Amino acid sequence: MNEARVALIRERIEQALDPTELRIKDQSHLHAGHAGAESGMGHFDVFVRSKSFDGQSRIQRHQQVYAAVGDMMQTDIHALSIRALAPDD
């Protein structure tokens, strides 16, 4: 199930941010017994590098990632760790 979620997260981020580098790790297994895990939602770690982040603050970069995954934050993602960098970072 989480492989499909990772693929969908990847697809949405690629469409929204056209990243030059993107890594997504499913870390749900590290949170067994946690409330989010019990609900069936996942924990994911995202590293993304994109020109879209040029001139953006860290908060603005994270907002762009959250916007990209959109409704998945309500249905599929319990926790999302984000490292978002511009090409020159």
PDB file of N, CA and C in Angstrom:
ATOM      1  N   MET A   1       0.822  -1.196   0.000  1.00  0.00           N
ATOM      2  CA  MET A   1       0.000   0.000   0.000  1.00  0.00           C
ATOM      3  C   MET A   1       0.864   1.256   0.000  1.00  0.00           C
ATOM      4  N   ASN A   2       1.921   1.297   0.823  1.00  0.00           N
ATOM      5  CA  ASN A   2       2.740   2.500   0.878  1.00  0.00           C
ATOM      6  C   ASN A   2       3.573   2.700  -0.380  1.00  0.00           C
ATOM      7  N   GLU A   3       3.863   1.620  -1.119  1.00  0.00           N
ATOM      8  CA  GLU A   3       4.568   1.787  -2.391  1.00  0.00           C
ATOM      9  C   GLU A   3       3.730   2.623  -3.347  1.00  0.00           C
ATOM     10  N   ALA A   4       2.435   2.394  -3.338  1.00  0.00           N
ATOM     11  CA  ALA A   4       1.530   3.185  -4.174  1.00  0.00           C
ATOM     12  C   ALA A   4       1.487   4.630  -3.695  1.00  0.00           C
ATOM     13  N   ARG A   5       1.531   4.825  -2.391  1.00  0.00           N
ATOM     14  CA  ARG A   5       1.549   6.183  -1.841  1.00  0.00           C
ATOM     15  C   ARG A   5       2.831   6.909  -2.237  1.00  0.00           C
ATOM     16  N   VAL A   6       3.953   6.226  -2.130  1.00  0.00           N
ATOM     17  CA  VAL A   6       5.229   6.839  -2.524  1.00  0.00           C
ATOM     18  C   VAL A   6       5.172   7.228  -3.995  1.00  0.00           C
ATOM     19  N   ALA A   7       4.642   6.360  -4.833  1.00  0.00           N
ATOM     20  CA  ALA A   7       4.534   6.660  -6.265  1.00  0.00           C
ATOM     21  C   ALA A   7       3.643   7.873  -6.505  1.00  0.00           C
ATOM     22  N   LEU A   8       2.558   7.987  -5.764  1.00  0.00           N
ATOM     23  CA  LEU A   8       1.655   9.125  -5.934  1.00  0.00           C
ATOM     24  C   LEU A   8       2.287  10.420  -5.409  1.00  0.00           C
ATOM     25  N   ILE A   9       2.983  10.340  -4.288  1.00  0.00           N
ATOM     26  CA  ILE A   9       3.706  11.510  -3.770  1.00  0.00           C
ATOM     27  C   ILE A   9       4.719  11.969  -4.809  1.00  0.00           C
ATOM     28  N   ARG A  10       5.481  11.020  -5.362  1.00  0.00           N
ATOM     29  CA  ARG A  10       6.481  11.331  -6.387  1.00  0.00           C
ATOM     30  C   ARG A  10       5.831  12.014  -7.591  1.00  0.00           C
ATOM     31  N   GLU A  11       4.741  11.449  -8.067  1.00  0.00           N
ATOM     32  CA  GLU A  11       4.053  11.993  -9.237  1.00  0.00           C
ATOM     33  C   GLU A  11       3.598  13.432  -8.982  1.00  0.00           C
ATOM     34  N   ARG A  12       3.006  13.655  -7.828  1.00  0.00           N
ATOM     35  CA  ARG A  12       2.488  15.001  -7.527  1.00  0.00           C
ATOM     36  C   ARG A  12       3.605  16.026  -7.377  1.00  0.00           C
ATOM     37  N   ILE A  13       4.685  15.642  -6.708  1.00  0.00           N
ATOM     38  CA  ILE A  13       5.800  16.575  -6.538  1.00  0.00           C
ATOM     39  C   ILE A  13       6.471  16.847  -7.879  1.00  0.00           C
ATOM     40  N   GLU A  14       6.649  15.815  -8.688  1.00  0.00           N
ATOM     41  CA  GLU A  14       7.261  16.009 -10.006  1.00  0.00           C
ATOM     42  C   GLU A  14       6.422  16.939 -10.867  1.00  0.00           C
ATOM     43  N   GLN A  15       5.114  16.778 -10.856  1.00  0.00           N
ATOM     44  CA  GLN A  15       4.240  17.630 -11.659  1.00  0.00           C
ATOM     45  C   GLN A  15       4.265  19.075 -11.184  1.00  0.00           C
ATOM     46  N   ALA A  16       4.268  19.263  -9.877  1.00  0.00           N
ATOM     47  CA  ALA A  16       4.164  20.607  -9.320  1.00  0.00           C
ATOM     48  C   ALA A  16       5.488  21.369  -9.301  1.00  0.00           C
ATOM     49  N   LEU A  17       6.597  20.656  -9.069  1.00  0.00           N
ATOM     50  CA  LEU A  17       7.858  21.335  -8.790  1.00  0.00           C
ATOM     51  C   LEU A  17       8.978  21.040  -9.783  1.00  0.00           C
ATOM     52  N   ASP A  18       8.769  20.125 -10.701  1.00  0.00           N
ATOM     53  CA  ASP A  18       9.785  19.765 -11.687  1.00  0.00           C
ATOM     54  C   ASP A  18      11.179  19.660 -11.046  1.00  0.00           C
ATOM     55  N   PRO A  19      11.324  18.772 -10.083  1.00  0.00           N
ATOM     56  CA  PRO A  19      12.588  18.693  -9.338  1.00  0.00           C
ATOM     57  C   PRO A  19      13.752  18.163 -10.164  1.00  0.00           C
ATOM     58  N   THR A  20      14.941  18.614  -9.797  1.00  0.00           N
ATOM     59  CA  THR A  20      16.156  18.069 -10.387  1.00  0.00           C
ATOM     60  C   THR A  20      16.638  16.874  -9.572  1.00  0.00           C
ATOM     61  N   GLU A  21      16.147  16.779  -8.344  1.00  0.00           N
ATOM     62  CA  GLU A  21      16.476  15.654  -7.470  1.00  0.00           C
ATOM     63  C   GLU A  21      15.290  15.425  -6.542  1.00  0.00           C
ATOM     64  N   LEU A  22      14.909  14.165  -6.365  1.00  0.00           N
ATOM     65  CA  LEU A  22      13.775  13.829  -5.511  1.00  0.00           C
ATOM     66  C   LEU A  22      13.998  12.450  -4.914  1.00  0.00           C
ATOM     67  N   ARG A  23      13.953  12.395  -3.581  1.00  0.00           N
ATOM     68  CA  ARG A  23      14.046  11.114  -2.866  1.00  0.00           C
ATOM     69  C   ARG A  23      12.909  11.061  -1.855  1.00  0.00           C
ATOM     70  N   ILE A  24      12.226   9.953  -1.841  1.00  0.00           N
ATOM     71  CA  ILE A  24      11.120   9.761  -0.913  1.00  0.00           C
ATOM     72  C   ILE A  24      11.344   8.441  -0.191  1.00  0.00           C
ATOM     73  N   LYS A  25      11.317   8.489   1.128  1.00  0.00           N
ATOM     74  CA  LYS A  25      11.488   7.282   1.933  1.00  0.00           C
ATOM     75  C   LYS A  25      10.234   7.061   2.769  1.00  0.00           C
ATOM     76  N   ASP A  26       9.741   5.847   2.737  1.00  0.00           N
ATOM     77  CA  ASP A  26       8.630   5.453   3.599  1.00  0.00           C
ATOM     78  C   ASP A  26       9.223   5.094   4.957  1.00  0.00           C
ATOM     79  N   GLN A  27       8.870   5.846   5.972  1.00  0.00           N
ATOM     80  CA  GLN A  27       9.381   5.586   7.315  1.00  0.00           C
ATOM     81  C   GLN A  27       8.280   5.110   8.263  1.00  0.00           C
ATOM     82  N   SER A  28       7.195   4.639   7.680  1.00  0.00           N
ATOM     83  CA  SER A  28       6.046   4.220   8.481  1.00  0.00           C
ATOM     84  C   SER A  28       6.403   3.129   9.485  1.00  0.00           C
ATOM     85  N   HIS A  29       7.297   2.236   9.090  1.00  0.00           N
ATOM     86  CA  HIS A  29       7.672   1.129   9.968  1.00  0.00           C
ATOM     87  C   HIS A  29       8.335   1.617  11.260  1.00  0.00           C
ATOM     88  N   LEU A  30       8.882   2.822  11.248  1.00  0.00           N
ATOM     89  CA  LEU A  30       9.531   3.378  12.434  1.00  0.00           C
ATOM     90  C   LEU A  30       8.519   3.923  13.441  1.00  0.00           C
ATOM     91  N   HIS A  31       7.258   3.974  13.033  1.00  0.00           N
ATOM     92  CA  HIS A  31       6.224   4.585  13.865  1.00  0.00           C
ATOM     93  C   HIS A  31       5.114   3.610  14.228  1.00  0.00           C
ATOM     94  N   ALA A  32       5.434   2.338  14.253  1.00  0.00           N
ATOM     95  CA  ALA A  32       4.438   1.318  14.610  1.00  0.00           C
ATOM     96  C   ALA A  32       3.871   1.624  15.993  1.00  0.00           C
ATOM     97  N   GLY A  33       2.557   1.551  16.102  1.00  0.00           N
ATOM     98  CA  GLY A  33       1.903   1.836  17.369  1.00  0.00           C
ATOM     99  C   GLY A  33       1.536   3.298  17.555  1.00  0.00           C
ATOM    100  N   HIS A  34       2.068   4.166  16.715  1.00  0.00           N
ATOM    101  CA  HIS A  34       1.770   5.599  16.757  1.00  0.00           C
ATOM    102  C   HIS A  34       0.362   5.817  16.210  1.00  0.00           C
ATOM    103  N   ALA A  35      -0.310   6.859  16.668  1.00  0.00           N
ATOM    104  CA  ALA A  35      -1.698   7.116  16.259  1.00  0.00           C
ATOM    105  C   ALA A  35      -1.855   7.164  14.738  1.00  0.00           C
ATOM    106  N   GLY A  36      -0.935   7.813  14.037  1.00  0.00           N
ATOM    107  CA  GLY A  36      -1.020   7.892  12.582  1.00  0.00           C
ATOM    108  C   GLY A  36      -0.881   6.542  11.919  1.00  0.00           C
ATOM    109  N   ALA A  37      -0.034   5.702  12.488  1.00  0.00           N
ATOM    110  CA  ALA A  37       0.154   4.361  11.931  1.00  0.00           C
ATOM    111  C   ALA A  37      -1.105   3.519  12.142  1.00  0.00           C
ATOM    112  N   GLU A  38      -1.735   3.685  13.292  1.00  0.00           N
ATOM    113  CA  GLU A  38      -2.951   2.926  13.579  1.00  0.00           C
ATOM    114  C   GLU A  38      -4.090   3.302  12.635  1.00  0.00           C
ATOM    115  N   SER A  39      -4.099   4.550  12.161  1.00  0.00           N
ATOM    116  CA  SER A  39      -5.166   4.996  11.260  1.00  0.00           C
ATOM    117  C   SER A  39      -4.916   4.532   9.824  1.00  0.00           C
ATOM    118  N   GLY A  40      -3.736   3.960   9.577  1.00  0.00           N
ATOM    119  CA  GLY A  40      -3.406   3.483   8.238  1.00  0.00           C
ATOM    120  C   GLY A  40      -2.679   4.503   7.388  1.00  0.00           C
ATOM    121  N   MET A  41      -2.487   5.700   7.922  1.00  0.00           N
ATOM    122  CA  MET A  41      -1.755   6.728   7.184  1.00  0.00           C
ATOM    123  C   MET A  41      -0.257   6.497   7.367  1.00  0.00           C
ATOM    124  N   GLY A  42       0.564   7.074   6.468  1.00  0.00           N
ATOM    125  CA  GLY A  42       1.988   6.814   6.494  1.00  0.00           C
ATOM    126  C   GLY A  42       2.845   7.980   6.942  1.00  0.00           C
ATOM    127  N   HIS A  43       4.097   7.661   7.257  1.00  0.00           N
ATOM    128  CA  HIS A  43       5.117   8.638   7.606  1.00  0.00           C
ATOM    129  C   HIS A  43       6.165   8.606   6.494  1.00  0.00           C
ATOM    130  N   PHE A  44       6.482   9.764   5.942  1.00  0.00           N
ATOM    131  CA  PHE A  44       7.387   9.818   4.802  1.00  0.00           C
ATOM    132  C   PHE A  44       8.432  10.914   4.978  1.00  0.00           C
ATOM    133  N   ASP A  45       9.602  10.659   4.423  1.00  0.00           N
ATOM    134  CA  ASP A  45      10.705  11.617   4.409  1.00  0.00           C
ATOM    135  C   ASP A  45      10.931  12.014   2.951  1.00  0.00           C
ATOM    136  N   VAL A  46      10.925  13.328   2.672  1.00  0.00           N
ATOM    137  CA  VAL A  46      11.073  13.827   1.305  1.00  0.00           C
ATOM    138  C   VAL A  46      12.279  14.751   1.218  1.00  0.00           C
ATOM    139  N   PHE A  47      13.153  14.471   0.264  1.00  0.00           N
ATOM    140  CA  PHE A  47      14.239  15.377  -0.098  1.00  0.00           C
ATOM    141  C   PHE A  47      13.958  15.815  -1.526  1.00  0.00           C
ATOM    142  N   VAL A  48      13.840  17.123  -1.740  1.00  0.00           N
ATOM    143  CA  VAL A  48      13.542  17.626  -3.079  1.00  0.00           C
ATOM    144  C   VAL A  48      14.388  18.867  -3.366  1.00  0.00           C
ATOM    145  N   ARG A  49      14.963  18.878  -4.556  1.00  0.00           N
ATOM    146  CA  ARG A  49      15.732  20.030  -5.034  1.00  0.00           C
ATOM    147  C   ARG A  49      15.043  20.518  -6.309  1.00  0.00           C
ATOM    148  N   SER A  50      14.709  21.827  -6.321  1.00  0.00           N
ATOM    149  CA  SER A  50      13.959  22.357  -7.452  1.00  0.00           C
ATOM    150  C   SER A  50      14.248  23.839  -7.666  1.00  0.00           C
ATOM    151  N   LYS A  51      14.250  24.244  -8.946  1.00  0.00           N
ATOM    152  CA  LYS A  51      14.388  25.660  -9.277  1.00  0.00           C
ATOM    153  C   LYS A  51      13.205  26.455  -8.743  1.00  0.00           C
ATOM    154  N   SER A  52      12.086  25.785  -8.513  1.00  0.00           N
ATOM    155  CA  SER A  52      10.903  26.445  -7.952  1.00  0.00           C
ATOM    156  C   SER A  52      11.182  27.074  -6.594  1.00  0.00           C
ATOM    157  N   PHE A  53      12.220  26.612  -5.923  1.00  0.00           N
ATOM    158  CA  PHE A  53      12.534  27.105  -4.586  1.00  0.00           C
ATOM    159  C   PHE A  53      13.477  28.314  -4.596  1.00  0.00           C
ATOM    160  N   ASP A  54      13.974  28.709  -5.762  1.00  0.00           N
ATOM    161  CA  ASP A  54      14.865  29.872  -5.833  1.00  0.00           C
ATOM    162  C   ASP A  54      14.205  31.084  -5.188  1.00  0.00           C
ATOM    163  N   GLY A  55      14.909  31.738  -4.281  1.00  0.00           N
ATOM    164  CA  GLY A  55      14.416  32.947  -3.645  1.00  0.00           C
ATOM    165  C   GLY A  55      13.325  32.737  -2.620  1.00  0.00           C
ATOM    166  N   GLN A  56      13.007  31.471  -2.303  1.00  0.00           N
ATOM    167  CA  GLN A  56      11.943  31.161  -1.358  1.00  0.00           C
ATOM    168  C   GLN A  56      12.526  30.878   0.027  1.00  0.00           C
ATOM    169  N   SER A  57      11.787  31.261   1.055  1.00  0.00           N
ATOM    170  CA  SER A  57      12.183  30.923   2.420  1.00  0.00           C
ATOM    171  C   SER A  57      11.924  29.434   2.655  1.00  0.00           C
ATOM    172  N   ARG A  58      12.446  28.937   3.738  1.00  0.00           N
ATOM    173  CA  ARG A  58      12.238  27.526   4.088  1.00  0.00           C
ATOM    174  C   ARG A  58      10.738  27.235   4.237  1.00  0.00           C
ATOM    175  N   ILE A  59      10.024  28.143   4.856  1.00  0.00           N
ATOM    176  CA  ILE A  59       8.578  27.956   5.042  1.00  0.00           C
ATOM    177  C   ILE A  59       7.865  27.938   3.694  1.00  0.00           C
ATOM    178  N   GLN A  60       8.220  28.840   2.809  1.00  0.00           N
ATOM    179  CA  GLN A  60       7.588  28.878   1.486  1.00  0.00           C
ATOM    180  C   GLN A  60       7.869  27.603   0.701  1.00  0.00           C
ATOM    181  N   ARG A  61       9.063  27.075   0.833  1.00  0.00           N
ATOM    182  CA  ARG A  61       9.413  25.822   0.148  1.00  0.00           C
ATOM    183  C   ARG A  61       8.558  24.674   0.665  1.00  0.00           C
ATOM    184  N   HIS A  62       8.416  24.608   1.988  1.00  0.00           N
ATOM    185  CA  HIS A  62       7.598  23.548   2.582  1.00  0.00           C
ATOM    186  C   HIS A  62       6.144  23.704   2.170  1.00  0.00           C
ATOM    187  N   GLN A  63       5.660  24.935   2.107  1.00  0.00           N
ATOM    188  CA  GLN A  63       4.286  25.174   1.674  1.00  0.00           C
ATOM    189  C   GLN A  63       4.065  24.664   0.251  1.00  0.00           C
ATOM    190  N   GLN A  64       5.071  24.821  -0.604  1.00  0.00           N
ATOM    191  CA  GLN A  64       4.948  24.331  -1.982  1.00  0.00           C
ATOM    192  C   GLN A  64       4.861  22.806  -2.014  1.00  0.00           C
ATOM    193  N   VAL A  65       5.637  22.147  -1.169  1.00  0.00           N
ATOM    194  CA  VAL A  65       5.586  20.680  -1.109  1.00  0.00           C
ATOM    195  C   VAL A  65       4.221  20.229  -0.579  1.00  0.00           C
ATOM    196  N   TYR A  66       3.757  20.873   0.487  1.00  0.00           N
ATOM    197  CA  TYR A  66       2.435  20.524   1.024  1.00  0.00           C
ATOM    198  C   TYR A  66       1.340  20.758  -0.010  1.00  0.00           C
ATOM    199  N   ALA A  67       1.439  21.848  -0.760  1.00  0.00           N
ATOM    200  CA  ALA A  67       0.454  22.115  -1.810  1.00  0.00           C
ATOM    201  C   ALA A  67       0.502  21.025  -2.882  1.00  0.00           C
ATOM    202  N   ALA A  68       1.700  20.539  -3.185  1.00  0.00           N
ATOM    203  CA  ALA A  68       1.853  19.499  -4.213  1.00  0.00           C
ATOM    204  C   ALA A  68       1.171  18.199  -3.797  1.00  0.00           C
ATOM    205  N   VAL A  69       1.315  17.810  -2.537  1.00  0.00           N
ATOM    206  CA  VAL A  69       0.694  16.553  -2.095  1.00  0.00           C
ATOM    207  C   VAL A  69      -0.776  16.751  -1.735  1.00  0.00           C
ATOM    208  N   GLY A  70      -1.161  17.988  -1.495  1.00  0.00           N
ATOM    209  CA  GLY A  70      -2.558  18.370  -1.314  1.00  0.00           C
ATOM    210  C   GLY A  70      -3.355  17.503  -0.370  1.00  0.00           C
ATOM    211  N   ASP A  71      -4.448  16.940  -0.873  1.00  0.00           N
ATOM    212  CA  ASP A  71      -5.388  16.181  -0.057  1.00  0.00           C
ATOM    213  C   ASP A  71      -4.805  14.895   0.524  1.00  0.00           C
ATOM    214  N   MET A  72      -3.647  14.486   0.051  1.00  0.00           N
ATOM    215  CA  MET A  72      -3.012  13.291   0.622  1.00  0.00           C
ATOM    216  C   MET A  72      -2.679  13.497   2.099  1.00  0.00           C
ATOM    217  N   MET A  73      -2.528  14.769   2.514  1.00  0.00           N
ATOM    218  CA  MET A  73      -2.250  15.048   3.917  1.00  0.00           C
ATOM    219  C   MET A  73      -3.455  14.705   4.792  1.00  0.00           C
ATOM    220  N   GLN A  74      -4.623  14.605   4.212  1.00  0.00           N
ATOM    221  CA  GLN A  74      -5.834  14.260   4.956  1.00  0.00           C
ATOM    222  C   GLN A  74      -6.152  12.772   4.890  1.00  0.00           C
ATOM    223  N   THR A  75      -5.662  12.107   3.837  1.00  0.00           N
ATOM    224  CA  THR A  75      -6.082  10.730   3.587  1.00  0.00           C
ATOM    225  C   THR A  75      -4.977   9.675   3.660  1.00  0.00           C
ATOM    226  N   ASP A  76      -3.742  10.063   3.326  1.00  0.00           N
ATOM    227  CA  ASP A  76      -2.667   9.074   3.186  1.00  0.00           C
ATOM    228  C   ASP A  76      -1.404   9.366   3.991  1.00  0.00           C
ATOM    229  N   ILE A  77      -1.177  10.630   4.302  1.00  0.00           N
ATOM    230  CA  ILE A  77       0.075  11.025   4.956  1.00  0.00           C
ATOM    231  C   ILE A  77      -0.229  11.539   6.351  1.00  0.00           C
ATOM    232  N   HIS A  78       0.334  10.871   7.349  1.00  0.00           N
ATOM    233  CA  HIS A  78       0.199  11.349   8.726  1.00  0.00           C
ATOM    234  C   HIS A  78       1.326  12.319   9.055  1.00  0.00           C
ATOM    235  N   ALA A  79       2.528  12.012   8.586  1.00  0.00           N
ATOM    236  CA  ALA A  79       3.688  12.852   8.870  1.00  0.00           C
ATOM    237  C   ALA A  79       4.572  12.934   7.629  1.00  0.00           C
ATOM    238  N   LEU A  80       5.083  14.139   7.393  1.00  0.00           N
ATOM    239  CA  LEU A  80       5.928  14.385   6.228  1.00  0.00           C
ATOM    240  C   LEU A  80       7.128  15.211   6.671  1.00  0.00           C
ATOM    241  N   SER A  81       8.296  14.596   6.612  1.00  0.00           N
ATOM    242  CA  SER A  81       9.541  15.303   6.905  1.00  0.00           C
ATOM    243  C   SER A  81      10.078  15.822   5.580  1.00  0.00           C
ATOM    244  N   ILE A  82      10.378  17.123   5.505  1.00  0.00           N
ATOM    245  CA  ILE A  82      10.739  17.737   4.228  1.00  0.00           C
ATOM    246  C   ILE A  82      12.103  18.412   4.316  1.00  0.00           C
ATOM    247  N   ARG A  83      12.920  18.134   3.319  1.00  0.00           N
ATOM    248  CA  ARG A  83      14.153  18.907   3.092  1.00  0.00           C
ATOM    249  C   ARG A  83      14.042  19.416   1.662  1.00  0.00           C
ATOM    250  N   ALA A  84      13.840  20.721   1.513  1.00  0.00           N
ATOM    251  CA  ALA A  84      13.586  21.334   0.211  1.00  0.00           C
ATOM    252  C   ALA A  84      14.677  22.343  -0.089  1.00  0.00           C
ATOM    253  N   LEU A  85      15.414  22.101  -1.175  1.00  0.00           N
ATOM    254  CA  LEU A  85      16.550  22.954  -1.518  1.00  0.00           C
ATOM    255  C   LEU A  85      16.425  23.503  -2.939  1.00  0.00           C
ATOM    256  N   ALA A  86      16.956  24.706  -3.123  1.00  0.00           N
ATOM    257  CA  ALA A  86      17.103  25.283  -4.453  1.00  0.00           C
ATOM    258  C   ALA A  86      18.373  24.691  -5.064  1.00  0.00           C
ATOM    259  N   PRO A  87      18.558  24.796  -6.370  1.00  0.00           N
ATOM    260  CA  PRO A  87      19.731  24.186  -7.005  1.00  0.00           C
ATOM    261  C   PRO A  87      21.076  24.632  -6.426  1.00  0.00           C
ATOM    262  N   ASP A  88      21.170  25.856  -5.966  1.00  0.00           N
ATOM    263  CA  ASP A  88      22.452  26.362  -5.461  1.00  0.00           C
ATOM    264  C   ASP A  88      22.651  26.168  -3.964  1.00  0.00           C
ATOM    265  N   ASP A  89      21.684  25.543  -3.303  1.00  0.00           N
ATOM    266  CA  ASP A  89      21.808  25.314  -1.851  1.00  0.00           C
ATOM    267  C   ASP A  89      22.749  24.173  -1.577  1.00  0.00           C
TER     268      ASP A  89
END
